[in-house]
Each structure stands twice: as structure tokens, then as C-alpha cells.
């Protein structure tokens, strides 16, 4: 086993994340994935891939933001582990890497939103000592 975490910054590397990301974001087709990531990257989005022996096993999309509530934040937009390899430590390794990235860039917090139906993810986040601090509201336009 050779686990690596790298920023997906080429079209090929981004496309290589789609199979895993699709498990969290099934509405995004393979054809639309790279262009959508590129648009987000222009606004600060970073896509990281955890690979084991070259196979992507977990991905995280995140950005650095500043707000009055938290100060400097590493905000995680997307965090998913391949459902065929859950409970193999890949999610924990990628989460720990994100925490280290946040600390290295002087962030005050690492934050994310999680769908109310994602009970397994909630258990994972609570086990990582994250607190539930808000409700997220949305108004479709």
C-alpha cells in the first residue's frame, strides 16, 4: 500500500476524482465535472485526492475563506471516501491532512456542512471532535 494525497490541478487528475466524487455529487456528469471544477478553482476551490497505489480512494474539495464569525476558515465543500473502501482509514487520513493544511495556513477553524440524511458522515465528524454549531438554510431561486 502506498497512500498519497495530492492536489488535483490538471484536467487528468481532476477527471480521475470524478468516480469517487460522483458518490457524493451524483448529479454531476463525467463530462461536466472538469469544467465545473475549473470554474470553482478560479474562485479559490482546491481539489485534493487521496490515492492508494494510484487508485483514488477519497477526495476533498475545499477553500480558504474569511468571515466575521470564525475568522480564517478552511471550508470543506466536498469530502467523500469511495464506498467500496470505507472504513479502511482513507477518510480519516484525508481529514487529518485537511486539519494539518488548515493549521499550516493559520486557520482558526475547519468547517463543513453535511446533509441531514448522512448519518454515517455525522458519526465520522463527531468522532473527529467536530461540533454541530448551526443549521444551514437554503432558498431555491
N, C-alpha and C. Protein backbone atom coordinates (compact mmCIF):
# COMPACT_ATOMS: atom_id res chain seq x y z
N UNK A 1 0.84 -1.18 0.00
CA UNK A 1 0.00 0.00 0.00
C UNK A 1 0.88 1.24 0.00
N UNK A 2 0.56 2.17 -0.91
CA UNK A 2 1.28 3.44 -0.96
C UNK A 2 0.25 4.54 -1.07
N UNK A 3 -0.06 5.16 0.08
CA UNK A 3 -1.07 6.20 0.12
C UNK A 3 -0.42 7.55 -0.09
N UNK A 4 -1.00 8.34 -1.02
CA UNK A 4 -0.53 9.70 -1.27
C UNK A 4 -1.73 10.63 -1.28
N UNK A 5 -1.49 11.88 -0.95
CA UNK A 5 -2.50 12.93 -1.06
C UNK A 5 -1.89 14.04 -1.89
N UNK A 6 -2.59 14.41 -2.95
CA UNK A 6 -2.08 15.44 -3.85
C UNK A 6 -3.21 16.33 -4.34
N UNK A 7 -2.86 17.55 -4.67
CA UNK A 7 -3.82 18.48 -5.25
C UNK A 7 -4.06 18.07 -6.70
N UNK A 8 -5.31 17.95 -7.08
CA UNK A 8 -5.68 17.64 -8.47
C UNK A 8 -5.74 18.96 -9.23
N UNK A 9 -4.68 19.25 -9.98
CA UNK A 9 -4.61 20.54 -10.66
C UNK A 9 -4.48 20.42 -12.18
N UNK A 10 -4.49 19.21 -12.69
CA UNK A 10 -4.52 19.02 -14.14
C UNK A 10 -5.88 18.44 -14.51
N UNK A 11 -6.27 18.61 -15.77
CA UNK A 11 -7.55 18.04 -16.20
C UNK A 11 -7.60 16.54 -15.93
N UNK A 12 -6.50 15.86 -16.19
CA UNK A 12 -6.46 14.41 -15.99
C UNK A 12 -6.64 14.05 -14.51
N UNK A 13 -5.96 14.78 -13.63
CA UNK A 13 -6.08 14.50 -12.20
C UNK A 13 -7.49 14.82 -11.70
N UNK A 14 -8.07 15.91 -12.19
CA UNK A 14 -9.43 16.27 -11.79
C UNK A 14 -10.41 15.19 -12.25
N UNK A 15 -10.30 14.80 -13.52
CA UNK A 15 -11.18 13.76 -14.06
C UNK A 15 -11.04 12.45 -13.27
N UNK A 16 -9.84 12.18 -12.79
CA UNK A 16 -9.60 10.97 -12.01
C UNK A 16 -10.32 10.95 -10.67
N UNK A 17 -10.80 12.11 -10.23
CA UNK A 17 -11.54 12.21 -8.97
C UNK A 17 -13.04 12.00 -9.15
N UNK A 18 -13.51 12.04 -10.39
CA UNK A 18 -14.96 12.03 -10.63
C UNK A 18 -15.65 10.79 -10.09
N UNK A 19 -15.09 9.61 -10.30
CA UNK A 19 -15.76 8.38 -9.89
C UNK A 19 -16.08 8.40 -8.39
N UNK A 20 -15.16 8.89 -7.58
CA UNK A 20 -15.40 8.96 -6.14
C UNK A 20 -16.32 10.14 -5.81
N UNK A 21 -16.06 11.31 -6.41
CA UNK A 21 -16.89 12.48 -6.12
C UNK A 21 -18.34 12.24 -6.52
N UNK A 22 -18.57 11.46 -7.56
CA UNK A 22 -19.93 11.20 -8.02
C UNK A 22 -20.76 10.50 -6.95
N UNK A 23 -20.11 9.81 -6.04
CA UNK A 23 -20.83 9.14 -4.96
C UNK A 23 -21.44 10.15 -3.99
N UNK A 24 -20.85 11.34 -3.93
CA UNK A 24 -21.40 12.41 -3.10
C UNK A 24 -22.23 13.38 -3.94
N UNK A 25 -21.83 13.60 -5.17
CA UNK A 25 -22.48 14.56 -6.07
C UNK A 25 -22.93 13.86 -7.35
N UNK A 26 -23.93 12.97 -7.26
CA UNK A 26 -24.33 12.16 -8.41
C UNK A 26 -24.93 12.95 -9.57
N UNK A 27 -25.31 14.18 -9.34
CA UNK A 27 -25.91 15.00 -10.39
C UNK A 27 -24.88 15.59 -11.37
N UNK A 28 -23.59 15.41 -11.08
CA UNK A 28 -22.56 15.98 -11.95
C UNK A 28 -21.99 14.87 -12.83
N UNK A 29 -22.20 15.01 -14.14
CA UNK A 29 -21.73 14.00 -15.09
C UNK A 29 -20.21 14.08 -15.23
N UNK A 30 -19.63 13.02 -15.76
CA UNK A 30 -18.19 12.99 -16.01
C UNK A 30 -17.79 14.11 -16.97
N UNK A 31 -18.64 14.38 -17.97
CA UNK A 31 -18.33 15.42 -18.97
C UNK A 31 -18.36 16.82 -18.35
N UNK A 32 -19.21 17.03 -17.38
CA UNK A 32 -19.34 18.35 -16.76
C UNK A 32 -18.38 18.56 -15.60
N UNK A 33 -17.79 17.50 -15.08
CA UNK A 33 -17.02 17.58 -13.85
C UNK A 33 -15.80 18.50 -13.97
N UNK A 34 -14.94 18.25 -14.93
CA UNK A 34 -13.72 19.07 -15.05
C UNK A 34 -14.06 20.54 -15.28
N UNK A 35 -14.96 20.88 -16.21
CA UNK A 35 -15.29 22.30 -16.37
C UNK A 35 -15.85 22.94 -15.10
N UNK A 36 -16.67 22.22 -14.36
CA UNK A 36 -17.24 22.79 -13.12
C UNK A 36 -16.16 23.00 -12.07
N UNK A 37 -15.24 22.05 -11.96
CA UNK A 37 -14.14 22.21 -11.01
C UNK A 37 -13.28 23.39 -11.42
N UNK A 38 -13.00 23.54 -12.71
CA UNK A 38 -12.18 24.66 -13.19
C UNK A 38 -12.82 26.01 -12.86
N UNK A 39 -14.13 26.12 -13.00
CA UNK A 39 -14.83 27.37 -12.64
C UNK A 39 -14.65 27.64 -11.15
N UNK A 40 -14.83 26.61 -10.35
CA UNK A 40 -14.68 26.78 -8.90
C UNK A 40 -13.24 27.11 -8.53
N UNK A 41 -12.27 26.50 -9.21
CA UNK A 41 -10.87 26.79 -8.91
C UNK A 41 -10.55 28.27 -9.14
N UNK A 42 -11.19 28.87 -10.12
CA UNK A 42 -10.99 30.30 -10.38
C UNK A 42 -11.46 31.14 -9.19
N UNK A 43 -12.28 30.55 -8.33
CA UNK A 43 -12.79 31.24 -7.15
C UNK A 43 -12.20 30.68 -5.85
N UNK A 44 -11.07 29.98 -5.94
CA UNK A 44 -10.37 29.53 -4.75
C UNK A 44 -10.55 28.08 -4.34
N UNK A 45 -11.35 27.32 -5.08
CA UNK A 45 -11.60 25.91 -4.76
C UNK A 45 -10.34 25.09 -5.02
N UNK A 46 -10.06 24.18 -4.11
CA UNK A 46 -8.91 23.27 -4.23
C UNK A 46 -9.45 21.85 -4.14
N UNK A 47 -9.03 20.99 -5.05
CA UNK A 47 -9.46 19.60 -5.05
C UNK A 47 -8.26 18.73 -4.69
N UNK A 48 -8.41 17.95 -3.63
CA UNK A 48 -7.34 17.04 -3.18
C UNK A 48 -7.81 15.61 -3.34
N UNK A 49 -6.89 14.75 -3.75
CA UNK A 49 -7.20 13.34 -3.94
C UNK A 49 -6.26 12.48 -3.10
N UNK A 50 -6.85 11.55 -2.38
CA UNK A 50 -6.08 10.54 -1.68
C UNK A 50 -6.10 9.30 -2.55
N UNK A 51 -4.92 8.82 -2.89
CA UNK A 51 -4.81 7.63 -3.74
C UNK A 51 -4.02 6.56 -3.00
N UNK A 52 -4.38 5.33 -3.24
CA UNK A 52 -3.66 4.17 -2.71
C UNK A 52 -3.19 3.36 -3.90
N UNK A 53 -1.88 3.25 -4.05
CA UNK A 53 -1.29 2.59 -5.22
C UNK A 53 -1.86 3.13 -6.53
N UNK A 54 -2.08 4.46 -6.57
CA UNK A 54 -2.54 5.13 -7.78
C UNK A 54 -4.04 5.19 -7.96
N UNK A 55 -4.82 4.46 -7.17
CA UNK A 55 -6.28 4.46 -7.29
C UNK A 55 -6.87 5.48 -6.30
N UNK A 56 -7.67 6.41 -6.81
CA UNK A 56 -8.28 7.42 -5.95
C UNK A 56 -9.28 6.73 -5.02
N UNK A 57 -9.11 6.97 -3.72
CA UNK A 57 -9.96 6.34 -2.71
C UNK A 57 -10.79 7.36 -1.92
N UNK A 58 -10.35 8.63 -1.92
CA UNK A 58 -11.09 9.68 -1.21
C UNK A 58 -10.73 11.02 -1.85
N UNK A 59 -11.69 11.94 -1.84
CA UNK A 59 -11.44 13.27 -2.39
C UNK A 59 -12.03 14.33 -1.46
N UNK A 60 -11.43 15.50 -1.51
CA UNK A 60 -11.92 16.64 -0.74
C UNK A 60 -11.81 17.88 -1.60
N UNK A 61 -12.88 18.64 -1.63
CA UNK A 61 -12.87 19.95 -2.26
C UNK A 61 -13.01 20.98 -1.15
N UNK A 62 -12.12 21.96 -1.15
CA UNK A 62 -12.12 22.92 -0.05
C UNK A 62 -11.64 24.29 -0.53
N UNK A 63 -11.79 25.27 0.33
CA UNK A 63 -11.34 26.64 0.04
C UNK A 63 -11.01 27.33 1.35
N UNK A 64 -10.25 28.39 1.24
CA UNK A 64 -9.96 29.22 2.41
C UNK A 64 -10.86 30.45 2.33
N UNK A 65 -11.53 30.75 3.43
CA UNK A 65 -12.40 31.91 3.48
C UNK A 65 -12.14 32.68 4.76
N UNK A 66 -12.60 33.90 4.79
CA UNK A 66 -12.55 34.74 5.99
C UNK A 66 -13.98 35.19 6.27
N UNK A 67 -14.40 35.09 7.51
CA UNK A 67 -15.70 35.64 7.86
C UNK A 67 -15.66 36.19 9.29
N UNK A 68 -16.65 37.01 9.62
CA UNK A 68 -16.68 37.65 10.93
C UNK A 68 -16.91 36.63 12.05
N UNK A 69 -17.65 35.59 11.76
CA UNK A 69 -18.00 34.60 12.77
C UNK A 69 -16.79 33.79 13.21
N UNK A 70 -16.01 33.30 12.25
CA UNK A 70 -14.93 32.35 12.57
C UNK A 70 -13.53 32.87 12.29
N UNK A 71 -13.40 33.96 11.58
CA UNK A 71 -12.07 34.41 11.18
C UNK A 71 -11.63 33.64 9.95
N UNK A 72 -10.37 33.21 9.93
CA UNK A 72 -9.84 32.45 8.79
C UNK A 72 -10.28 30.99 8.91
N UNK A 73 -10.88 30.46 7.82
CA UNK A 73 -11.50 29.14 7.83
C UNK A 73 -11.01 28.32 6.65
N UNK A 74 -10.73 27.05 6.89
CA UNK A 74 -10.65 26.10 5.80
C UNK A 74 -12.04 25.50 5.73
N UNK A 75 -12.76 25.82 4.65
CA UNK A 75 -14.12 25.34 4.48
C UNK A 75 -14.13 24.17 3.51
N UNK A 76 -14.66 23.05 3.95
CA UNK A 76 -14.72 21.84 3.13
C UNK A 76 -16.08 21.81 2.42
N UNK A 77 -16.04 21.93 1.10
CA UNK A 77 -17.25 21.83 0.28
C UNK A 77 -17.66 20.38 0.08
N UNK A 78 -16.68 19.53 -0.13
CA UNK A 78 -16.92 18.13 -0.51
C UNK A 78 -15.89 17.25 0.19
N UNK A 79 -16.35 16.18 0.79
CA UNK A 79 -15.46 15.20 1.40
C UNK A 79 -16.12 13.85 1.28
N UNK A 80 -15.49 12.94 0.55
CA UNK A 80 -16.11 11.64 0.32
C UNK A 80 -15.02 10.57 0.16
N UNK A 81 -15.33 9.41 0.70
CA UNK A 81 -14.48 8.23 0.52
C UNK A 81 -15.23 7.25 -0.38
N UNK A 82 -14.51 6.59 -1.25
CA UNK A 82 -15.10 5.59 -2.14
C UNK A 82 -15.87 4.58 -1.29
N UNK A 83 -17.13 4.37 -1.64
CA UNK A 83 -17.96 3.48 -0.81
C UNK A 83 -17.48 2.04 -0.81
N UNK A 84 -16.64 1.66 -1.76
CA UNK A 84 -16.12 0.28 -1.77
C UNK A 84 -14.93 0.12 -0.81
N UNK A 85 -14.41 1.24 -0.30
CA UNK A 85 -13.26 1.16 0.60
C UNK A 85 -13.47 1.98 1.87
N UNK A 86 -14.72 2.17 2.26
CA UNK A 86 -14.98 2.87 3.52
C UNK A 86 -14.48 2.02 4.68
N UNK A 87 -14.13 2.69 5.75
CA UNK A 87 -13.61 2.04 6.97
C UNK A 87 -12.23 1.42 6.77
N UNK A 88 -11.49 1.93 5.77
CA UNK A 88 -10.11 1.50 5.57
C UNK A 88 -9.12 2.57 6.02
N UNK A 89 -9.62 3.66 6.62
CA UNK A 89 -8.75 4.72 7.12
C UNK A 89 -8.49 5.84 6.13
N UNK A 90 -9.02 5.74 4.92
CA UNK A 90 -8.76 6.78 3.92
C UNK A 90 -9.42 8.10 4.29
N UNK A 91 -10.66 8.07 4.74
CA UNK A 91 -11.34 9.29 5.14
C UNK A 91 -10.63 9.97 6.29
N UNK A 92 -10.23 9.19 7.29
CA UNK A 92 -9.51 9.75 8.43
C UNK A 92 -8.20 10.37 7.97
N UNK A 93 -7.47 9.69 7.10
CA UNK A 93 -6.19 10.22 6.62
C UNK A 93 -6.39 11.54 5.88
N UNK A 94 -7.42 11.62 5.03
CA UNK A 94 -7.67 12.85 4.29
C UNK A 94 -8.16 13.95 5.23
N UNK A 95 -9.01 13.62 6.18
CA UNK A 95 -9.47 14.60 7.16
C UNK A 95 -8.29 15.15 7.95
N UNK A 96 -7.43 14.27 8.44
CA UNK A 96 -6.26 14.70 9.20
C UNK A 96 -5.35 15.60 8.36
N UNK A 97 -5.22 15.29 7.07
CA UNK A 97 -4.43 16.11 6.17
C UNK A 97 -5.06 17.51 6.04
N UNK A 98 -6.39 17.57 5.92
CA UNK A 98 -7.07 18.86 5.84
C UNK A 98 -6.84 19.68 7.11
N UNK A 99 -6.90 19.04 8.27
CA UNK A 99 -6.64 19.73 9.53
C UNK A 99 -5.22 20.29 9.54
N UNK A 100 -4.26 19.50 9.10
CA UNK A 100 -2.88 19.97 9.04
C UNK A 100 -2.73 21.14 8.07
N UNK A 101 -3.42 21.07 6.93
CA UNK A 101 -3.40 22.19 5.97
C UNK A 101 -3.98 23.45 6.61
N UNK A 102 -5.08 23.30 7.33
CA UNK A 102 -5.71 24.45 7.99
C UNK A 102 -4.76 25.06 9.02
N UNK A 103 -4.13 24.24 9.80
CA UNK A 103 -3.19 24.73 10.82
C UNK A 103 -2.00 25.42 10.17
N UNK A 104 -1.47 24.83 9.10
CA UNK A 104 -0.31 25.40 8.41
C UNK A 104 -0.61 26.77 7.81
N UNK A 105 -1.87 27.04 7.53
CA UNK A 105 -2.27 28.32 6.93
C UNK A 105 -2.98 29.22 7.94
N UNK A 106 -2.72 28.96 9.21
CA UNK A 106 -3.19 29.81 10.30
C UNK A 106 -4.71 29.98 10.34
N UNK A 107 -5.43 28.94 9.99
CA UNK A 107 -6.89 28.99 10.08
C UNK A 107 -7.32 28.84 11.54
N UNK A 108 -8.42 29.48 11.87
CA UNK A 108 -8.98 29.35 13.22
C UNK A 108 -9.86 28.12 13.33
N UNK A 109 -10.49 27.72 12.22
CA UNK A 109 -11.37 26.57 12.23
C UNK A 109 -11.33 25.83 10.90
N UNK A 110 -11.77 24.59 10.95
CA UNK A 110 -12.11 23.81 9.77
C UNK A 110 -13.60 23.59 9.87
N UNK A 111 -14.34 23.94 8.81
CA UNK A 111 -15.79 23.87 8.84
C UNK A 111 -16.33 23.18 7.60
N UNK A 112 -17.53 22.61 7.75
CA UNK A 112 -18.21 21.99 6.62
C UNK A 112 -19.69 21.89 6.92
N UNK A 113 -20.48 21.71 5.89
CA UNK A 113 -21.90 21.39 6.02
C UNK A 113 -22.06 19.94 5.61
N UNK A 114 -23.04 19.27 6.19
CA UNK A 114 -23.30 17.88 5.84
C UNK A 114 -24.80 17.68 5.74
N UNK A 115 -25.23 16.99 4.70
CA UNK A 115 -26.65 16.72 4.51
C UNK A 115 -27.26 16.03 5.72
N UNK A 116 -28.49 16.40 6.05
CA UNK A 116 -29.13 15.87 7.25
C UNK A 116 -29.30 14.35 7.20
N UNK A 117 -29.31 13.77 6.01
CA UNK A 117 -29.52 12.33 5.85
C UNK A 117 -28.22 11.52 5.95
N UNK A 118 -27.07 12.18 6.07
CA UNK A 118 -25.78 11.49 6.03
C UNK A 118 -25.31 11.07 7.42
N UNK A 119 -26.03 10.16 8.03
CA UNK A 119 -25.77 9.76 9.42
C UNK A 119 -24.37 9.18 9.61
N UNK A 120 -23.90 8.39 8.66
CA UNK A 120 -22.55 7.83 8.77
C UNK A 120 -21.50 8.93 8.77
N UNK A 121 -21.68 9.92 7.91
CA UNK A 121 -20.76 11.05 7.87
C UNK A 121 -20.79 11.82 9.19
N UNK A 122 -21.97 11.98 9.75
CA UNK A 122 -22.08 12.70 11.02
C UNK A 122 -21.33 11.97 12.13
N UNK A 123 -21.46 10.65 12.17
CA UNK A 123 -20.71 9.88 13.17
C UNK A 123 -19.21 10.09 12.97
N UNK A 124 -18.78 10.09 11.71
CA UNK A 124 -17.36 10.30 11.40
C UNK A 124 -16.90 11.67 11.91
N UNK A 125 -17.67 12.73 11.61
CA UNK A 125 -17.28 14.09 12.02
C UNK A 125 -17.29 14.24 13.54
N UNK A 126 -18.29 13.67 14.19
CA UNK A 126 -18.33 13.75 15.65
C UNK A 126 -17.15 12.99 16.27
N UNK A 127 -16.77 11.88 15.68
CA UNK A 127 -15.61 11.13 16.16
C UNK A 127 -14.31 11.91 15.98
N UNK A 128 -14.29 12.87 15.06
CA UNK A 128 -13.14 13.73 14.83
C UNK A 128 -13.21 14.98 15.72
N UNK A 129 -14.13 14.99 16.66
CA UNK A 129 -14.33 16.06 17.64
C UNK A 129 -14.88 17.35 17.03
N UNK A 130 -15.60 17.23 15.91
CA UNK A 130 -16.27 18.40 15.35
C UNK A 130 -17.54 18.65 16.14
N UNK A 131 -17.93 19.91 16.23
CA UNK A 131 -19.16 20.30 16.91
C UNK A 131 -20.22 20.66 15.88
N UNK A 132 -21.48 20.38 16.19
CA UNK A 132 -22.60 20.86 15.39
C UNK A 132 -22.94 22.24 15.94
N UNK A 133 -22.75 23.29 15.10
CA UNK A 133 -22.89 24.65 15.61
C UNK A 133 -23.96 25.47 14.91
N UNK A 134 -24.59 24.93 13.86
CA UNK A 134 -25.57 25.73 13.12
C UNK A 134 -26.46 24.82 12.29
N UNK A 135 -27.53 25.40 11.79
CA UNK A 135 -28.36 24.80 10.76
C UNK A 135 -28.08 25.57 9.48
N UNK A 136 -28.07 24.89 8.38
CA UNK A 136 -27.85 25.52 7.07
C UNK A 136 -29.21 25.65 6.38
N UNK A 137 -29.55 26.87 5.98
CA UNK A 137 -30.83 27.11 5.31
C UNK A 137 -30.59 27.46 3.86
N UNK A 138 -31.57 27.11 3.01
CA UNK A 138 -31.45 27.36 1.57
C UNK A 138 -32.79 27.84 1.03
N UNK A 139 -32.72 28.79 0.12
CA UNK A 139 -33.89 29.28 -0.60
C UNK A 139 -33.66 29.05 -2.09
N UNK A 140 -34.30 28.06 -2.69
CA UNK A 140 -34.13 27.84 -4.14
C UNK A 140 -34.66 29.06 -4.91
N UNK A 141 -33.92 29.49 -5.90
CA UNK A 141 -34.31 30.65 -6.70
C UNK A 141 -34.57 30.26 -8.14
